[in-house]
Amino acid sequence: MKIKCADIIADPADNTSRDELNRMNPQDCVGLAKTIDQQGQIQPVVVIQEGDKYRLAAGFRRFTAISIVLGWEEIDAKVFPAGTDTQLINALENFQRNNPSFWEQCCALRAIYPDDIEMKQIERDMGMSKQWVNVRWKAWRLPEEVKGQIAAGLLGFTDVQMLVQDGVDSERAAQKLIDGKAAGKTTHQMRKNILEHRRNIRGKKAIQQTMTKCLAIGNMTVVQALRYAIGEIEEKSLLNWLKKHQSDTNIE
């Protein structure tokens, strides 16, 4: 949102970044001011509401370049409510400025926020969609092997979006995705295969009933019964297998 520069309290003591690039010296901000004048303000400064004023929390060089060097009356700002932890703000600022990889984004969110945080809070802080936040947050629930594959760059956002859905065997699906990419398959083809398999997985009660039914059939092995019960093979495949081992078999 646009707010007046005059309404912002910019105290050098609040600037937690002490390196040369973040000094509030107008002479050091001339180059930045020229860039902003030519391209516009790409990234907003971050402020904390303080009564009818705002305290600058991040973006001191941007503020100096715009308010002092350029002399603009208004500035784009992201406003946080009073009492917001400045460490959180600086962490978010670094997150957005450093352009991290997908897995680095997943790690950063977990480092910034506690486990019991509400997803809506992260959405508000990051200015991102529910889907953007959920996929990165849920990635941490995946098995260690899968997380290693994500960290190695073998799996990206679209892949993890499928892996974190209920009913998906993430380890098996992850390997299918990696193998599929190597074979030149499209994401659409792999998505269809993985999600159709997810929809075929049965609940505990259904599995018990199906196991009992399958084992009651002569020549049925426990392995074949279990594969059918958990949805790994379809009824048609099971019947084809049974026809090879006994005649006139039917599943009601």
Protein backbone atom coordinates (compact mmCIF):
# COMPACT_ATOMS: atom_id res chain seq x y z
CA MET A 1 0.00 0.00 0.00
CA LYS A 2 1.04 3.61 -0.51
CA ILE A 3 1.77 5.65 2.64
CA LYS A 4 3.23 9.09 3.16
CA CYS A 5 6.97 9.23 3.78
CA ALA A 6 6.31 11.92 6.40
CA ASP A 7 4.29 9.39 8.43
CA ILE A 8 7.23 6.98 8.69
CA ILE A 9 9.57 7.04 11.69
CA ALA A 10 13.01 6.07 10.35
CA ASP A 11 15.33 5.64 13.32
CA PRO A 12 18.88 4.47 12.39
CA ALA A 13 18.95 2.57 15.68
CA ASP A 14 16.19 0.30 14.32
CA ASN A 15 18.33 -0.74 11.36
CA THR A 16 19.54 -4.19 12.34
CA SER A 17 21.60 -4.55 9.15
CA ARG A 18 24.97 -3.01 9.85
CA ASP A 19 26.86 -3.70 6.61
CA GLU A 20 27.87 -0.94 4.23
CA LEU A 21 25.01 -1.59 1.81
CA ASN A 22 22.41 -0.72 4.43
CA ARG A 23 23.71 2.61 5.71
CA MET A 24 21.21 5.49 5.64
CA ASN A 25 23.68 7.84 4.00
CA PRO A 26 22.00 9.66 1.07
CA GLN A 27 25.29 9.68 -0.87
CA ASP A 28 25.35 5.88 -0.75
CA CYS A 29 21.77 5.72 -2.06
CA VAL A 30 22.18 7.84 -5.21
CA GLY A 31 22.66 4.81 -7.47
CA LEU A 32 19.66 3.05 -5.97
CA ALA A 33 17.58 6.23 -6.34
CA LYS A 34 18.41 6.41 -10.06
CA THR A 35 17.33 2.80 -10.53
CA ILE A 36 14.05 3.37 -8.67
CA ASP A 37 13.42 6.55 -10.66
CA GLN A 38 13.86 4.64 -13.93
CA GLN A 39 12.19 1.33 -13.05
CA GLY A 40 9.88 2.26 -10.19
CA GLN A 41 9.87 0.83 -6.68
CA ILE A 42 9.91 -2.93 -7.16
CA GLN A 43 10.05 -4.02 -3.52
CA PRO A 44 8.11 -2.24 -0.75
CA VAL A 45 9.69 -1.12 2.50
CA VAL A 46 8.44 -2.83 5.65
CA VAL A 47 6.87 -0.82 8.47
CA ILE A 48 5.18 -1.52 11.79
CA GLN A 49 2.02 0.33 12.73
CA GLU A 50 2.63 2.72 15.62
CA GLY A 51 -0.53 4.66 16.39
CA ASP A 52 -1.22 6.90 13.42
CA LYS A 53 2.44 6.61 12.35
CA TYR A 54 4.63 3.79 11.04
CA ARG A 55 8.07 2.68 12.25
CA LEU A 56 10.46 1.60 9.50
CA ALA A 57 11.59 -2.00 10.09
CA ALA A 58 13.24 -2.98 6.79
CA GLY A 59 14.20 -1.19 3.60
CA PHE A 60 16.22 1.70 5.05
CA ARG A 61 18.19 2.34 1.84
CA ARG A 62 15.03 2.28 -0.25
CA PHE A 63 13.37 4.70 2.13
CA THR A 64 16.39 7.03 2.04
CA ALA A 65 16.60 6.88 -1.75
CA ILE A 66 12.91 7.63 -2.23
CA SER A 67 12.19 10.10 0.55
CA ILE A 68 15.46 12.06 0.62
CA VAL A 69 17.30 11.62 -2.69
CA LEU A 70 14.23 11.55 -4.94
CA GLY A 71 12.01 13.58 -2.62
CA TRP A 72 8.89 11.52 -3.29
CA GLU A 73 6.02 12.12 -0.89
CA GLU A 74 4.70 8.53 -0.91
CA ILE A 75 6.29 5.11 -0.81
CA ASP A 76 5.08 1.54 -1.30
CA ALA A 77 5.09 -0.21 2.07
CA LYS A 78 4.09 -3.50 3.61
CA VAL A 79 2.45 -2.76 6.97
CA PHE A 80 2.67 -5.10 9.95
CA PRO A 81 0.54 -4.62 13.09
CA ALA A 82 1.94 -3.08 16.27
CA GLY A 83 4.04 -5.47 18.33
CA THR A 84 5.29 -7.55 15.38
CA ASP A 85 8.69 -9.10 16.10
CA THR A 86 11.36 -7.27 14.07
CA GLN A 87 13.40 -10.49 13.82
CA LEU A 88 10.51 -12.07 11.94
CA ILE A 89 10.35 -9.08 9.63
CA ASN A 90 14.07 -9.23 8.89
CA ALA A 91 13.82 -12.97 8.22
CA LEU A 92 10.98 -12.39 5.75
CA GLU A 93 12.89 -9.55 4.12
CA ASN A 94 15.95 -11.73 3.60
CA PHE A 95 13.77 -14.57 2.34
CA GLN A 96 12.27 -12.42 -0.40
CA ARG A 97 15.48 -10.62 -1.30
CA ASN A 98 17.74 -13.68 -1.64
CA ASN A 99 15.56 -15.49 -4.21
CA PRO A 100 15.97 -18.95 -2.62
CA SER A 101 15.33 -22.28 -4.37
CA PHE A 102 12.11 -24.21 -3.75
CA TRP A 103 13.66 -26.39 -1.04
CA GLU A 104 15.38 -23.38 0.56
CA GLN A 105 11.95 -21.74 0.72
CA CYS A 106 10.56 -24.83 2.49
CA CYS A 107 13.44 -24.74 5.00
CA ALA A 108 13.13 -20.99 5.54
CA LEU A 109 9.43 -21.19 6.39
CA ARG A 110 10.11 -23.89 8.96
CA ALA A 111 12.95 -21.84 10.42
CA ILE A 112 10.87 -18.67 10.65
CA TYR A 113 7.59 -20.06 12.00
CA PRO A 114 6.67 -22.44 14.87
CA ASP A 115 4.92 -25.74 14.16
CA ASP A 116 1.57 -24.54 15.50
CA ILE A 117 1.39 -21.42 13.31
CA GLU A 118 -1.83 -20.91 11.36
CA MET A 119 -1.34 -21.11 7.61
CA LYS A 120 -3.35 -17.94 7.14
CA GLN A 121 -0.76 -16.04 9.15
CA ILE A 122 2.02 -17.17 6.82
CA GLU A 123 -0.12 -16.30 3.81
CA ARG A 124 -0.59 -12.77 5.16
CA ASP A 125 3.07 -12.30 6.07
CA MET A 126 4.43 -13.65 2.81
CA GLY A 127 1.73 -12.16 0.61
CA MET A 128 1.40 -15.57 -1.05
CA SER A 129 -1.52 -17.87 -1.90
CA LYS A 130 -2.81 -20.70 0.27
CA GLN A 131 -1.48 -23.23 -2.23
CA TRP A 132 1.99 -21.62 -2.28
CA VAL A 133 2.26 -21.86 1.51
CA ASN A 134 0.66 -25.30 1.99
CA VAL A 135 2.88 -27.13 -0.48
CA ARG A 136 6.09 -25.72 1.02
CA TRP A 137 4.91 -26.32 4.59
CA LYS A 138 3.71 -29.89 3.96
CA ALA A 139 6.93 -30.78 2.13
CA TRP A 140 8.50 -31.24 5.57
CA ARG A 141 6.11 -34.11 6.32
CA LEU A 142 7.51 -36.15 3.44
CA PRO A 143 9.96 -39.03 4.09
CA GLU A 144 13.63 -38.13 4.44
CA GLU A 145 14.52 -39.80 1.14
CA VAL A 146 11.96 -37.70 -0.71
CA LYS A 147 13.12 -34.51 1.00
CA GLY A 148 16.64 -35.35 -0.14
CA GLN A 149 15.40 -35.65 -3.72
CA ILE A 150 13.71 -32.25 -3.43
CA ALA A 151 16.87 -30.69 -2.00
CA ALA A 152 18.86 -32.17 -4.89
CA GLY A 153 16.55 -30.44 -7.37
CA LEU A 154 15.07 -33.68 -8.72
CA LEU A 155 11.56 -32.67 -7.63
CA GLY A 156 10.02 -29.20 -7.80
CA PHE A 157 6.86 -27.41 -6.72
CA THR A 158 4.51 -29.18 -9.16
CA ASP A 159 5.89 -32.57 -8.14
CA VAL A 160 5.61 -31.90 -4.41
CA GLN A 161 2.10 -30.58 -4.96
CA MET A 162 1.16 -34.14 -5.97
CA LEU A 163 3.23 -35.88 -3.30
CA VAL A 164 1.64 -34.06 -0.34
CA GLN A 165 -1.93 -35.00 -1.29
CA ASP A 166 -3.77 -37.47 0.94
CA GLY A 167 -3.55 -41.07 -0.19
CA VAL A 168 -0.39 -40.71 -2.25
CA ASP A 169 2.49 -43.11 -1.53
CA SER A 170 5.05 -40.30 -1.65
CA GLU A 171 8.19 -42.46 -1.89
CA ARG A 172 6.87 -44.57 -4.74
CA ALA A 173 5.29 -41.58 -6.48
CA ALA A 174 8.50 -39.54 -6.16
CA GLN A 175 10.50 -42.26 -7.87
CA LYS A 176 7.87 -42.53 -10.60
CA LEU A 177 8.13 -38.79 -11.18
CA ILE A 178 11.92 -38.89 -11.37
CA ASP A 179 11.91 -41.91 -13.70
CA GLY A 180 9.13 -40.37 -15.78
CA LYS A 181 11.08 -37.14 -16.28
CA ALA A 182 14.12 -39.14 -17.35
CA ALA A 183 11.93 -40.99 -19.87
CA GLY A 184 10.58 -37.73 -21.25
CA LYS A 185 7.03 -38.06 -19.90
CA THR A 186 5.00 -34.90 -19.41
CA THR A 187 3.89 -33.67 -16.00
CA HIS A 188 0.26 -34.13 -17.11
CA GLN A 189 0.82 -37.81 -17.89
CA MET A 190 2.52 -38.49 -14.57
CA ARG A 191 -0.04 -36.48 -12.60
CA LYS A 192 -2.90 -38.54 -14.07
CA ASN A 193 -1.20 -41.80 -13.16
CA ILE A 194 -0.32 -40.77 -9.61
CA LEU A 195 -3.65 -39.18 -8.70
CA GLU A 196 -5.72 -42.00 -10.21
CA HIS A 197 -3.78 -44.40 -8.03
CA ARG A 198 -4.45 -42.16 -5.03
CA ARG A 199 -8.20 -42.26 -5.66
CA ASN A 200 -8.11 -46.08 -5.73
CA ILE A 201 -6.64 -46.44 -2.24
CA ARG A 202 -9.28 -47.79 0.12
CA GLY A 203 -10.01 -47.03 3.76
CA LYS A 204 -9.12 -49.41 6.62
CA LYS A 205 -12.59 -50.94 6.84
CA ALA A 206 -12.76 -51.48 3.09
CA ILE A 207 -9.32 -53.08 3.13
CA GLN A 208 -10.36 -55.53 5.86
CA GLN A 209 -13.51 -56.47 3.99
CA THR A 210 -11.66 -56.87 0.71
CA MET A 211 -8.90 -58.96 2.29
CA THR A 212 -11.46 -61.31 3.83
CA LYS A 213 -13.28 -61.60 0.52
CA CYS A 214 -10.13 -62.23 -1.48
CA LEU A 215 -8.66 -64.81 0.90
CA ALA A 216 -11.94 -66.72 0.82
CA ILE A 217 -11.33 -67.38 -2.86
CA GLY A 218 -9.38 -70.54 -3.56
CA ASN A 219 -5.81 -70.16 -4.81
CA MET A 220 -5.65 -66.54 -3.63
CA THR A 221 -2.31 -65.55 -2.14
CA VAL A 222 -1.97 -63.05 0.67
CA VAL A 223 0.24 -60.87 -1.51
CA GLN A 224 -2.29 -60.63 -4.33
CA ALA A 225 -5.13 -60.01 -1.86
CA LEU A 226 -3.21 -57.22 -0.15
CA ARG A 227 -2.22 -55.60 -3.45
CA TYR A 228 -5.88 -55.49 -4.45
CA ALA A 229 -7.03 -54.34 -1.02
CA ILE A 230 -4.74 -51.30 -0.95
CA GLY A 231 -5.59 -50.36 -4.51
CA GLU A 232 -2.27 -51.23 -6.11
CA ILE A 233 -3.99 -53.45 -8.67
CA GLU A 234 -7.51 -53.10 -10.05
CA GLU A 235 -10.25 -55.72 -9.94
CA LYS A 236 -9.80 -56.42 -13.64
CA SER A 237 -6.11 -57.22 -13.12
CA LEU A 238 -6.94 -59.39 -10.13
CA LEU A 239 -9.55 -61.36 -12.10
CA ASN A 240 -7.08 -61.89 -14.94
CA TRP A 241 -4.59 -63.25 -12.42
CA LEU A 242 -7.21 -65.54 -10.91
CA LYS A 243 -8.28 -66.91 -14.30
CA LYS A 244 -4.77 -68.20 -14.78
CA HIS A 245 -4.98 -70.12 -11.51
CA GLN A 246 -8.55 -71.31 -11.28
CA SER A 247 -11.67 -71.39 -13.41
CA ASP A 248 -15.00 -69.67 -12.98
CA THR A 249 -13.84 -67.18 -10.28
CA ASN A 250 -15.88 -64.11 -9.50
CA ILE A 251 -15.72 -61.33 -6.90
CA GLU A 252 -19.06 -60.05 -5.74
